Amino acid sequence: MTQIDLELISEIRKSKGFSNADMAKKLNLSAPEKYFRREKGEYNFKAVEIPVLCRVLEIPMAKIFK
């Protein structure tokens, strides 16, 4: 099973200066905690969120998968 490299996503998000609230807003999530839980692996990113995540973080989709 393919997994998302959550550590990479976290590192890139922080290097670009985005907060959990910023990312939640960009992914149309109702609260920063919802993004935080996805980045920590408590919840999975939904398929429709992955392309947006890649676009916001400016990384190729193939790079975020382990």
PDB file of N, CA and C in Angstrom:
ATOM      1  N   MET A   1       0.851  -1.190   0.000  1.00  0.00           N
ATOM      2  CA  MET A   1       0.000   0.000   0.000  1.00  0.00           C
ATOM      3  C   MET A   1       0.895   1.250   0.000  1.00  0.00           C
ATOM      4  N   THR A   2       0.571   2.183  -0.825  1.00  0.00           N
ATOM      5  CA  THR A   2       1.322   3.424  -0.931  1.00  0.00           C
ATOM      6  C   THR A   2       0.954   4.351   0.227  1.00  0.00           C
ATOM      7  N   GLN A   3       1.981   4.947   0.805  1.00  0.00           N
ATOM      8  CA  GLN A   3       1.745   5.880   1.901  1.00  0.00           C
ATOM      9  C   GLN A   3       2.270   7.257   1.545  1.00  0.00           C
ATOM     10  N   ILE A   4       1.642   8.250   2.108  1.00  0.00           N
ATOM     11  CA  ILE A   4       2.076   9.629   1.913  1.00  0.00           C
ATOM     12  C   ILE A   4       3.198   9.918   2.908  1.00  0.00           C
ATOM     13  N   ASP A   5       4.217  10.603   2.438  1.00  0.00           N
ATOM     14  CA  ASP A   5       5.349  10.977   3.284  1.00  0.00           C
ATOM     15  C   ASP A   5       4.955  12.210   4.106  1.00  0.00           C
ATOM     16  N   LEU A   6       4.372  11.947   5.259  1.00  0.00           N
ATOM     17  CA  LEU A   6       3.849  13.029   6.099  1.00  0.00           C
ATOM     18  C   LEU A   6       4.966  13.920   6.634  1.00  0.00           C
ATOM     19  N   GLU A   7       6.119  13.325   6.896  1.00  0.00           N
ATOM     20  CA  GLU A   7       7.259  14.099   7.384  1.00  0.00           C
ATOM     21  C   GLU A   7       7.705  15.113   6.328  1.00  0.00           C
ATOM     22  N   LEU A   8       7.752  14.682   5.078  1.00  0.00           N
ATOM     23  CA  LEU A   8       8.130  15.576   3.981  1.00  0.00           C
ATOM     24  C   LEU A   8       7.124  16.723   3.853  1.00  0.00           C
ATOM     25  N   ILE A   9       5.850  16.393   3.916  1.00  0.00           N
ATOM     26  CA  ILE A   9       4.805  17.415   3.813  1.00  0.00           C
ATOM     27  C   ILE A   9       4.959  18.440   4.936  1.00  0.00           C
ATOM     28  N   SER A  10       5.186  17.961   6.140  1.00  0.00           N
ATOM     29  CA  SER A  10       5.359  18.853   7.280  1.00  0.00           C
ATOM     30  C   SER A  10       6.574  19.762   7.101  1.00  0.00           C
ATOM     31  N   GLU A  11       7.690  19.178   6.677  1.00  0.00           N
ATOM     32  CA  GLU A  11       8.918  19.957   6.476  1.00  0.00           C
ATOM     33  C   GLU A  11       8.721  21.047   5.420  1.00  0.00           C
ATOM     34  N   ILE A  12       8.119  20.688   4.300  1.00  0.00           N
ATOM     35  CA  ILE A  12       7.922  21.660   3.222  1.00  0.00           C
ATOM     36  C   ILE A  12       6.941  22.746   3.650  1.00  0.00           C
ATOM     37  N   ARG A  13       5.869  22.351   4.323  1.00  0.00           N
ATOM     38  CA  ARG A  13       4.877  23.333   4.799  1.00  0.00           C
ATOM     39  C   ARG A  13       5.562  24.356   5.707  1.00  0.00           C
ATOM     40  N   LYS A  14       6.353  23.873   6.652  1.00  0.00           N
ATOM     41  CA  LYS A  14       7.022  24.771   7.592  1.00  0.00           C
ATOM     42  C   LYS A  14       8.044  25.652   6.877  1.00  0.00           C
ATOM     43  N   SER A  15       8.776  25.077   5.914  1.00  0.00           N
ATOM     44  CA  SER A  15       9.791  25.860   5.195  1.00  0.00           C
ATOM     45  C   SER A  15       9.159  26.979   4.370  1.00  0.00           C
ATOM     46  N   LYS A  16       7.906  26.783   3.957  1.00  0.00           N
ATOM     47  CA  LYS A  16       7.200  27.800   3.179  1.00  0.00           C
ATOM     48  C   LYS A  16       6.438  28.776   4.085  1.00  0.00           C
ATOM     49  N   GLY A  17       6.476  28.535   5.384  1.00  0.00           N
ATOM     50  CA  GLY A  17       5.844  29.447   6.331  1.00  0.00           C
ATOM     51  C   GLY A  17       4.341  29.300   6.464  1.00  0.00           C
ATOM     52  N   PHE A  18       3.796  28.166   6.043  1.00  0.00           N
ATOM     53  CA  PHE A  18       2.350  27.938   6.153  1.00  0.00           C
ATOM     54  C   PHE A  18       2.008  27.338   7.517  1.00  0.00           C
ATOM     55  N   SER A  19       0.974  27.858   8.139  1.00  0.00           N
ATOM     56  CA  SER A  19       0.481  27.285   9.396  1.00  0.00           C
ATOM     57  C   SER A  19      -0.548  26.197   9.089  1.00  0.00           C
ATOM     58  N   ASN A  20      -0.942  25.477  10.137  1.00  0.00           N
ATOM     59  CA  ASN A  20      -2.015  24.491   9.971  1.00  0.00           C
ATOM     60  C   ASN A  20      -3.298  25.186   9.530  1.00  0.00           C
ATOM     61  N   ALA A  21      -3.532  26.390  10.045  1.00  0.00           N
ATOM     62  CA  ALA A  21      -4.731  27.152   9.662  1.00  0.00           C
ATOM     63  C   ALA A  21      -4.680  27.522   8.182  1.00  0.00           C
ATOM     64  N   ASP A  22      -3.497  27.924   7.697  1.00  0.00           N
ATOM     65  CA  ASP A  22      -3.342  28.251   6.271  1.00  0.00           C
ATOM     66  C   ASP A  22      -3.690  27.040   5.414  1.00  0.00           C
ATOM     67  N   MET A  23      -3.156  25.900   5.792  1.00  0.00           N
ATOM     68  CA  MET A  23      -3.359  24.683   4.998  1.00  0.00           C
ATOM     69  C   MET A  23      -4.819  24.230   5.065  1.00  0.00           C
ATOM     70  N   ALA A  24      -5.425  24.351   6.227  1.00  0.00           N
ATOM     71  CA  ALA A  24      -6.835  23.974   6.358  1.00  0.00           C
ATOM     72  C   ALA A  24      -7.689  24.816   5.415  1.00  0.00           C
ATOM     73  N   LYS A  25      -7.393  26.105   5.365  1.00  0.00           N
ATOM     74  CA  LYS A  25      -8.157  27.012   4.498  1.00  0.00           C
ATOM     75  C   LYS A  25      -7.972  26.624   3.028  1.00  0.00           C
ATOM     76  N   LYS A  26      -6.740  26.317   2.638  1.00  0.00           N
ATOM     77  CA  LYS A  26      -6.451  25.969   1.238  1.00  0.00           C
ATOM     78  C   LYS A  26      -7.095  24.645   0.825  1.00  0.00           C
ATOM     79  N   LEU A  27      -7.268  23.745   1.797  1.00  0.00           N
ATOM     80  CA  LEU A  27      -7.892  22.445   1.507  1.00  0.00           C
ATOM     81  C   LEU A  27      -9.396  22.446   1.799  1.00  0.00           C
ATOM     82  N   ASN A  28      -9.929  23.629   2.117  1.00  0.00           N
ATOM     83  CA  ASN A  28     -11.357  23.761   2.435  1.00  0.00           C
ATOM     84  C   ASN A  28     -11.795  22.917   3.626  1.00  0.00           C
ATOM     85  N   LEU A  29     -10.941  22.850   4.627  1.00  0.00           N
ATOM     86  CA  LEU A  29     -11.286  22.138   5.858  1.00  0.00           C
ATOM     87  C   LEU A  29     -11.857  23.156   6.843  1.00  0.00           C
ATOM     88  N   SER A  30     -12.751  22.726   7.703  1.00  0.00           N
ATOM     89  CA  SER A  30     -13.453  23.652   8.581  1.00  0.00           C
ATOM     90  C   SER A  30     -12.633  24.135   9.771  1.00  0.00           C
ATOM     91  N   ALA A  31     -11.524  23.434  10.089  1.00  0.00           N
ATOM     92  CA  ALA A  31     -10.726  23.834  11.254  1.00  0.00           C
ATOM     93  C   ALA A  31      -9.271  23.405  11.070  1.00  0.00           C
ATOM     94  N   PRO A  32      -8.335  24.176  11.635  1.00  0.00           N
ATOM     95  CA  PRO A  32      -6.915  23.821  11.532  1.00  0.00           C
ATOM     96  C   PRO A  32      -6.605  22.430  12.095  1.00  0.00           C
ATOM     97  N   GLU A  33      -7.365  22.016  13.114  1.00  0.00           N
ATOM     98  CA  GLU A  33      -7.136  20.698  13.712  1.00  0.00           C
ATOM     99  C   GLU A  33      -7.343  19.576  12.703  1.00  0.00           C
ATOM    100  N   LYS A  34      -8.248  19.804  11.762  1.00  0.00           N
ATOM    101  CA  LYS A  34      -8.503  18.766  10.750  1.00  0.00           C
ATOM    102  C   LYS A  34      -7.279  18.580   9.857  1.00  0.00           C
ATOM    103  N   TYR A  35      -6.609  19.667   9.527  1.00  0.00           N
ATOM    104  CA  TYR A  35      -5.370  19.538   8.759  1.00  0.00           C
ATOM    105  C   TYR A  35      -4.290  18.906   9.625  1.00  0.00           C
ATOM    106  N   PHE A  36      -4.151  19.375  10.852  1.00  0.00           N
ATOM    107  CA  PHE A  36      -3.137  18.869  11.776  1.00  0.00           C
ATOM    108  C   PHE A  36      -3.239  17.352  11.919  1.00  0.00           C
ATOM    109  N   ARG A  37      -4.446  16.862  12.075  1.00  0.00           N
ATOM    110  CA  ARG A  37      -4.651  15.413  12.246  1.00  0.00           C
ATOM    111  C   ARG A  37      -4.264  14.636  10.991  1.00  0.00           C
ATOM    112  N   ARG A  38      -4.468  15.219   9.829  1.00  0.00           N
ATOM    113  CA  ARG A  38      -4.055  14.561   8.583  1.00  0.00           C
ATOM    114  C   ARG A  38      -2.532  14.521   8.497  1.00  0.00           C
ATOM    115  N   GLU A  39      -1.900  15.649   8.810  1.00  0.00           N
ATOM    116  CA  GLU A  39      -0.441  15.710   8.714  1.00  0.00           C
ATOM    117  C   GLU A  39       0.226  14.793   9.741  1.00  0.00           C
ATOM    118  N   LYS A  40      -0.420  14.583  10.871  1.00  0.00           N
ATOM    119  CA  LYS A  40       0.130  13.698  11.908  1.00  0.00           C
ATOM    120  C   LYS A  40      -0.217  12.230  11.665  1.00  0.00           C
ATOM    121  N   GLY A  41      -1.062  11.961  10.671  1.00  0.00           N
ATOM    122  CA  GLY A  41      -1.398  10.578  10.341  1.00  0.00           C
ATOM    123  C   GLY A  41      -2.579  10.012  11.100  1.00  0.00           C
ATOM    124  N   GLU A  42      -3.244  10.843  11.889  1.00  0.00           N
ATOM    125  CA  GLU A  42      -4.429  10.368  12.614  1.00  0.00           C
ATOM    126  C   GLU A  42      -5.593  10.122  11.654  1.00  0.00           C
ATOM    127  N   TYR A  43      -5.649  10.943  10.597  1.00  0.00           N
ATOM    128  CA  TYR A  43      -6.635  10.787   9.528  1.00  0.00           C
ATOM    129  C   TYR A  43      -5.892  10.800   8.205  1.00  0.00           C
ATOM    130  N   ASN A  44      -6.450  10.156   7.211  1.00  0.00           N
ATOM    131  CA  ASN A  44      -5.831  10.149   5.887  1.00  0.00           C
ATOM    132  C   ASN A  44      -6.262  11.369   5.083  1.00  0.00           C
ATOM    133  N   PHE A  45      -5.341  11.848   4.255  1.00  0.00           N
ATOM    134  CA  PHE A  45      -5.721  12.877   3.296  1.00  0.00           C
ATOM    135  C   PHE A  45      -6.687  12.233   2.309  1.00  0.00           C
ATOM    136  N   LYS A  46      -7.724  12.946   1.935  1.00  0.00           N
ATOM    137  CA  LYS A  46      -8.673  12.443   0.942  1.00  0.00           C
ATOM    138  C   LYS A  46      -8.058  12.588  -0.445  1.00  0.00           C
ATOM    139  N   ALA A  47      -8.484  11.758  -1.363  1.00  0.00           N
ATOM    140  CA  ALA A  47      -7.933  11.760  -2.721  1.00  0.00           C
ATOM    141  C   ALA A  47      -8.036  13.130  -3.383  1.00  0.00           C
ATOM    142  N   VAL A  48      -9.115  13.841  -3.149  1.00  0.00           N
ATOM    143  CA  VAL A  48      -9.291  15.161  -3.773  1.00  0.00           C
ATOM    144  C   VAL A  48      -8.388  16.220  -3.147  1.00  0.00           C
ATOM    145  N   GLU A  49      -7.883  15.955  -1.951  1.00  0.00           N
ATOM    146  CA  GLU A  49      -7.010  16.916  -1.271  1.00  0.00           C
ATOM    147  C   GLU A  49      -5.560  16.824  -1.729  1.00  0.00           C
ATOM    148  N   ILE A  50      -5.148  15.672  -2.210  1.00  0.00           N
ATOM    149  CA  ILE A  50      -3.743  15.456  -2.560  1.00  0.00           C
ATOM    150  C   ILE A  50      -3.265  16.375  -3.690  1.00  0.00           C
ATOM    151  N   PRO A  51      -4.004  16.513  -4.800  1.00  0.00           N
ATOM    152  CA  PRO A  51      -3.539  17.444  -5.837  1.00  0.00           C
ATOM    153  C   PRO A  51      -3.444  18.891  -5.336  1.00  0.00           C
ATOM    154  N   VAL A  52      -4.374  19.299  -4.491  1.00  0.00           N
ATOM    155  CA  VAL A  52      -4.352  20.656  -3.940  1.00  0.00           C
ATOM    156  C   VAL A  52      -3.126  20.815  -3.035  1.00  0.00           C
ATOM    157  N   LEU A  53      -2.887  19.823  -2.211  1.00  0.00           N
ATOM    158  CA  LEU A  53      -1.730  19.832  -1.319  1.00  0.00           C
ATOM    159  C   LEU A  53      -0.434  19.987  -2.114  1.00  0.00           C
ATOM    160  N   CYS A  54      -0.308  19.223  -3.176  1.00  0.00           N
ATOM    161  CA  CYS A  54       0.890  19.287  -4.024  1.00  0.00           C
ATOM    162  C   CYS A  54       1.031  20.649  -4.686  1.00  0.00           C
ATOM    163  N   ARG A  55      -0.058  21.205  -5.143  1.00  0.00           N
ATOM    164  CA  ARG A  55      -0.023  22.507  -5.796  1.00  0.00           C
ATOM    165  C   ARG A  55       0.377  23.599  -4.802  1.00  0.00           C
ATOM    166  N   VAL A  56      -0.195  23.563  -3.618  1.00  0.00           N
ATOM    167  CA  VAL A  56       0.102  24.569  -2.595  1.00  0.00           C
ATOM    168  C   VAL A  56       1.561  24.482  -2.155  1.00  0.00           C
ATOM    169  N   LEU A  57       2.043  23.257  -1.972  1.00  0.00           N
ATOM    170  CA  LEU A  57       3.419  23.073  -1.496  1.00  0.00           C
ATOM    171  C   LEU A  57       4.439  23.078  -2.637  1.00  0.00           C
ATOM    172  N   GLU A  58       3.930  23.129  -3.870  1.00  0.00           N
ATOM    173  CA  GLU A  58       4.781  23.167  -5.066  1.00  0.00           C
ATOM    174  C   GLU A  58       5.725  21.969  -5.146  1.00  0.00           C
ATOM    175  N   ILE A  59       5.142  20.785  -4.973  1.00  0.00           N
ATOM    176  CA  ILE A  59       5.914  19.555  -5.125  1.00  0.00           C
ATOM    177  C   ILE A  59       5.169  18.613  -6.066  1.00  0.00           C
ATOM    178  N   PRO A  60       5.916  17.807  -6.837  1.00  0.00           N
ATOM    179  CA  PRO A  60       5.257  16.847  -7.726  1.00  0.00           C
ATOM    180  C   PRO A  60       4.509  15.794  -6.905  1.00  0.00           C
ATOM    181  N   MET A  61       3.379  15.376  -7.409  1.00  0.00           N
ATOM    182  CA  MET A  61       2.575  14.404  -6.688  1.00  0.00           C
ATOM    183  C   MET A  61       3.372  13.126  -6.386  1.00  0.00           C
ATOM    184  N   ALA A  62       4.176  12.672  -7.313  1.00  0.00           N
ATOM    185  CA  ALA A  62       4.936  11.432  -7.104  1.00  0.00           C
ATOM    186  C   ALA A  62       5.901  11.548  -5.935  1.00  0.00           C
ATOM    187  N   LYS A  63       6.336  12.745  -5.622  1.00  0.00           N
ATOM    188  CA  LYS A  63       7.336  12.944  -4.554  1.00  0.00           C
ATOM    189  C   LYS A  63       6.750  12.752  -3.170  1.00  0.00           C
ATOM    190  N   ILE A  64       5.443  12.943  -2.986  1.00  0.00           N
ATOM    191  CA  ILE A  64       4.883  12.846  -1.634  1.00  0.00           C
ATOM    192  C   ILE A  64       4.574  11.408  -1.213  1.00  0.00           C
ATOM    193  N   PHE A  65       4.695  10.478  -2.140  1.00  0.00           N
ATOM    194  CA  PHE A  65       4.423   9.076  -1.803  1.00  0.00           C
ATOM    195  C   PHE A  65       5.706   8.334  -1.467  1.00  0.00           C
ATOM    196  N   LYS A  66       5.628   7.493  -0.437  1.00  0.00           N
ATOM    197  CA  LYS A  66       6.796   6.674  -0.036  1.00  0.00           C
ATOM    198  C   LYS A  66       6.856   5.438  -0.907  1.00  0.00           C
TER     199      LYS A  66
END
